[in-house]
């Protein structure tokens, strides 16, 4: 299998959700491989993006999630330099959302970043940069 085919088989389109609290903090998730990012879920382009995003977010957070609007859509094209006929695209859609209820983020004095999957942030985490950092920053109060 070529490198291109490997990438095409392993890369998914994603929907991300920007949720803030009354303190102006944004809720981020740590999936163990990308650091702290907006809450995000893979979505097949043929699926109903809003339905999948709402269902997945509600399942993760155990609260009602209201998707308010699409904040941005990013299209990412992949194609090998050697063959312009072979290409594919993925999409990254970011929703602004609100929640009805409180998200439980279990933290204690002995909790480490590696133990957490969810945390409220008042700034972009130090290890994030480029588009991921820009996506987080768009939800932080200025």
Protein backbone atom coordinates (compact mmCIF):
# COMPACT_ATOMS: atom_id res chain seq x y z
CA UNK A 1 0.00 0.00 0.00
CA UNK A 2 1.36 3.42 -0.87
CA UNK A 3 1.82 6.21 1.67
CA UNK A 4 -1.09 8.09 0.04
CA UNK A 5 -3.45 5.13 0.40
CA UNK A 6 -2.43 4.74 4.05
CA UNK A 7 -3.25 8.38 4.78
CA UNK A 8 -6.55 8.19 2.89
CA UNK A 9 -7.60 5.13 4.91
CA UNK A 10 -6.65 6.59 8.31
CA UNK A 11 -7.71 10.26 8.17
CA UNK A 12 -11.29 11.21 9.02
CA UNK A 13 -13.33 14.36 8.75
CA UNK A 14 -14.10 15.83 12.18
CA UNK A 15 -16.64 18.02 13.89
CA UNK A 16 -15.38 20.08 16.81
CA UNK A 17 -17.41 21.85 19.48
CA UNK A 18 -16.52 25.11 21.19
CA UNK A 19 -18.23 25.35 24.59
CA UNK A 20 -17.53 28.13 27.07
CA UNK A 21 -18.62 28.71 30.65
CA UNK A 22 -19.67 31.87 32.52
CA UNK A 23 -16.02 32.50 33.47
CA UNK A 24 -15.00 32.77 29.79
CA UNK A 25 -13.18 29.43 29.82
CA UNK A 26 -13.34 26.92 26.98
CA UNK A 27 -13.89 23.20 27.52
CA UNK A 28 -11.08 21.10 26.02
CA UNK A 29 -10.45 17.38 25.75
CA UNK A 30 -7.25 15.38 25.85
CA UNK A 31 -7.59 12.28 23.69
CA UNK A 32 -4.12 11.07 24.62
CA UNK A 33 -2.50 11.78 21.26
CA UNK A 34 -3.20 15.40 20.24
CA UNK A 35 -2.96 17.16 23.59
CA UNK A 36 -5.71 19.55 24.72
CA UNK A 37 -8.05 20.39 21.83
CA UNK A 38 -11.64 21.39 21.28
CA UNK A 39 -13.99 18.47 21.81
CA UNK A 40 -14.02 16.66 18.46
CA UNK A 41 -15.51 13.59 16.85
CA UNK A 42 -14.97 11.81 13.53
CA UNK A 43 -17.88 12.23 11.13
CA UNK A 44 -18.42 10.47 7.84
CA UNK A 45 -19.14 13.12 5.19
CA UNK A 46 -22.39 11.31 4.28
CA UNK A 47 -23.75 11.54 7.85
CA UNK A 48 -25.86 14.33 9.33
CA UNK A 49 -23.08 16.45 10.85
CA UNK A 50 -25.25 18.26 13.39
CA UNK A 51 -26.96 15.09 14.59
CA UNK A 52 -23.70 13.15 14.98
CA UNK A 53 -21.96 16.08 16.68
CA UNK A 54 -24.80 16.68 19.14
CA UNK A 55 -25.18 12.95 19.95
CA UNK A 56 -21.45 12.40 20.47
CA UNK A 57 -21.04 15.56 22.57
CA UNK A 58 -24.03 14.68 24.75
CA UNK A 59 -22.72 11.15 25.23
CA UNK A 60 -19.27 12.42 26.27
CA UNK A 61 -20.46 15.26 28.50
CA UNK A 62 -23.67 13.70 29.91
CA UNK A 63 -25.57 16.99 29.44
CA UNK A 64 -27.85 18.44 26.78
CA UNK A 65 -25.81 20.16 24.06
CA UNK A 66 -27.30 22.90 21.88
CA UNK A 67 -25.42 23.53 18.63
CA UNK A 68 -25.86 27.24 18.00
CA UNK A 69 -24.06 27.80 14.70
CA UNK A 70 -21.19 26.70 12.51
CA UNK A 71 -18.18 28.79 13.44
CA UNK A 72 -15.89 27.68 10.61
CA UNK A 73 -15.38 24.97 8.01
CA UNK A 74 -11.89 23.93 6.98
CA UNK A 75 -11.29 21.75 3.92
CA UNK A 76 -8.01 19.85 3.80
CA UNK A 77 -6.95 18.36 0.48
CA UNK A 78 -4.51 15.47 0.16
CA UNK A 79 -2.88 14.51 -3.11
CA UNK A 80 0.47 12.99 -4.01
CA UNK A 81 2.82 15.18 -5.99
CA UNK A 82 3.42 12.36 -8.45
CA UNK A 83 -0.23 11.90 -9.48
CA UNK A 84 -2.71 14.78 -9.42
CA UNK A 85 -5.60 12.44 -10.36
CA UNK A 86 -5.45 10.74 -6.96
CA UNK A 87 -6.70 13.00 -4.21
CA UNK A 88 -9.15 13.16 -1.37
CA UNK A 89 -10.46 15.82 0.97
CA UNK A 90 -11.48 15.87 4.59
CA UNK A 91 -13.40 18.54 6.45
CA UNK A 92 -13.03 20.04 9.89
CA UNK A 93 -16.26 21.74 10.98
CA UNK A 94 -16.32 23.76 14.21
CA UNK A 95 -19.62 24.43 15.95
CA UNK A 96 -20.34 26.99 18.65
CA UNK A 97 -22.43 25.25 21.29
CA UNK A 98 -23.92 25.72 24.71
CA UNK A 99 -24.81 23.17 27.35
CA UNK A 100 -27.81 22.76 29.59
CA UNK A 101 -26.35 21.60 32.88
CA UNK A 102 -22.91 21.31 34.39
CA UNK A 103 -20.06 19.29 32.95
CA UNK A 104 -18.35 17.24 35.62
CA UNK A 105 -14.59 17.58 35.40
CA UNK A 106 -13.08 15.48 38.16
CA UNK A 107 -9.93 17.12 39.46
CA UNK A 108 -8.07 16.64 42.69
CA UNK A 109 -4.64 17.52 44.04
CA UNK A 110 -3.28 14.23 42.69
CA UNK A 111 -4.85 14.50 39.22
CA UNK A 112 -2.40 14.95 36.35
CA UNK A 113 -2.97 16.08 32.76
CA UNK A 114 -2.62 12.47 31.64
CA UNK A 115 -5.50 11.42 33.93
CA UNK A 116 -7.96 13.96 32.56
CA UNK A 117 -10.05 13.81 29.45
CA UNK A 118 -11.87 17.14 30.02
CA UNK A 119 -10.79 20.43 31.54
CA UNK A 120 -11.80 24.11 31.43
CA UNK A 121 -9.05 26.44 30.12
CA UNK A 122 -8.77 30.23 30.31
CA UNK A 123 -6.00 30.35 27.69
CA UNK A 124 -4.62 28.29 24.84
CA UNK A 125 -2.50 25.42 26.23
CA UNK A 126 1.25 26.00 25.77
CA UNK A 127 1.78 22.91 23.61
CA UNK A 128 -0.80 23.89 20.96
CA UNK A 129 0.02 25.95 17.91
CA UNK A 130 -1.14 26.83 14.40
CA UNK A 131 -4.76 26.01 13.50
CA UNK A 132 -5.46 24.05 16.70
CA UNK A 133 -4.40 27.03 18.81
CA UNK A 134 -6.38 29.41 16.60
CA UNK A 135 -9.49 27.23 16.94
CA UNK A 136 -9.24 27.28 20.74
CA UNK A 137 -8.48 31.02 20.86
CA UNK A 138 -11.63 31.89 18.91
CA UNK A 139 -13.71 30.76 21.93
CA UNK A 140 -11.75 32.54 24.65
CA UNK A 141 -12.88 35.95 25.81
CA UNK A 142 -10.44 38.59 24.79
